Amino acid sequence: MNTVKTRKVGNSLTVTIPKNLGMTEGQEMVVYKGIDGVIVLAPKLKDPFDGIADLRMTNDFEGVKIIDSEM
C-alpha cells in the first residue's frame, strides 16, 4: 500500500499519485468526498450525450408483418 501526504499549492491541497498506479499525465479525474470522509478519485468518463454518438432509436421491427392473433 502506498502512503502519500497532502501539500499546499496556492490555496489548494495536492496529493501526488504514485506512478505504479498506472495513471497518465493530463488524465481528467472526478473527485468527491464519500462516506466517512473517504476521498474518491475516479477517471472522468466520456459523456454519451455529447452529440458525437448517434443515439437515435431505430425501428427494429420495420418490415415485420403482424398476424391478427399476435395483437
Protein backbone atom coordinates (compact mmCIF):
# COMPACT_ATOMS: atom_id res chain seq x y z
CA MET A 1 0.00 0.00 0.00
CA ASN A 2 1.25 3.45 -0.91
CA THR A 3 1.19 6.30 1.59
CA VAL A 4 1.17 9.92 0.42
CA LYS A 5 0.88 13.31 2.13
CA THR A 6 -1.01 16.41 1.13
CA ARG A 7 0.93 19.55 0.29
CA LYS A 8 -0.19 23.11 -0.19
CA VAL A 9 -0.12 24.58 -3.70
CA GLY A 10 -1.60 28.08 -3.78
CA ASN A 11 -4.94 27.92 -1.99
CA SER A 12 -5.37 24.18 -2.62
CA LEU A 13 -4.02 20.91 -1.31
CA THR A 14 -2.49 18.37 -3.65
CA VAL A 15 -1.60 14.70 -3.40
CA THR A 16 0.99 13.02 -5.60
CA ILE A 17 -0.26 9.80 -7.19
CA PRO A 18 2.44 7.13 -7.39
CA LYS A 19 3.38 6.16 -10.96
CA ASN A 20 2.89 2.44 -10.24
CA LEU A 21 -0.89 3.05 -10.09
CA GLY A 22 -0.92 3.45 -13.87
CA MET A 23 -2.27 6.98 -14.21
CA THR A 24 -1.29 9.08 -17.22
CA GLU A 25 -0.34 12.75 -17.28
CA GLY A 26 -3.25 15.03 -18.09
CA GLN A 27 -5.92 12.42 -17.31
CA GLU A 28 -9.08 14.11 -16.04
CA MET A 29 -10.42 12.87 -12.74
CA VAL A 30 -13.66 13.34 -10.82
CA VAL A 31 -13.15 13.84 -7.08
CA TYR A 32 -15.69 13.69 -4.30
CA LYS A 33 -15.90 13.08 -0.60
CA GLY A 34 -17.55 9.76 0.20
CA ILE A 35 -18.86 8.05 3.31
CA ASP A 36 -16.76 8.52 6.47
CA GLY A 37 -14.67 11.24 4.81
CA VAL A 38 -13.11 8.94 2.19
CA ILE A 39 -11.78 10.92 -0.78
CA VAL A 40 -12.61 9.20 -4.07
CA LEU A 41 -10.76 9.86 -7.34
CA ALA A 42 -12.27 8.29 -10.45
CA PRO A 43 -11.35 8.71 -14.13
CA LYS A 44 -13.75 11.11 -15.87
CA LEU A 45 -15.86 9.12 -18.32
CA LYS A 46 -16.83 10.30 -21.78
CA ASP A 47 -20.30 11.87 -21.89
CA PRO A 48 -22.51 9.64 -24.08
CA PHE A 49 -24.81 12.61 -24.70
CA ASP A 50 -22.15 14.99 -26.05
CA GLY A 51 -23.68 14.87 -29.54
CA ILE A 52 -20.88 12.90 -31.17
CA ALA A 53 -22.52 9.46 -30.99
CA ASP A 54 -25.71 8.77 -32.93
CA LEU A 55 -28.20 7.85 -30.23
CA ARG A 56 -31.31 7.87 -32.41
CA MET A 57 -33.64 4.93 -31.91
CA THR A 58 -34.25 2.64 -34.85
CA ASN A 59 -37.30 0.61 -35.66
CA ASP A 60 -36.11 -2.96 -35.11
CA PHE A 61 -39.44 -4.29 -36.37
CA GLU A 62 -39.52 -2.43 -39.68
CA GLY A 63 -40.81 -4.76 -42.38
CA VAL A 64 -42.16 -7.35 -39.91
CA LYS A 65 -45.76 -8.32 -40.65
CA ILE A 66 -48.07 -8.74 -37.67
CA ILE A 67 -50.60 -11.57 -37.76
CA ASP A 68 -54.03 -10.74 -36.31
CA SER A 69 -53.67 -13.24 -33.45
CA GLU A 70 -50.43 -11.62 -32.23
CA MET A 71 -52.10 -8.40 -31.04
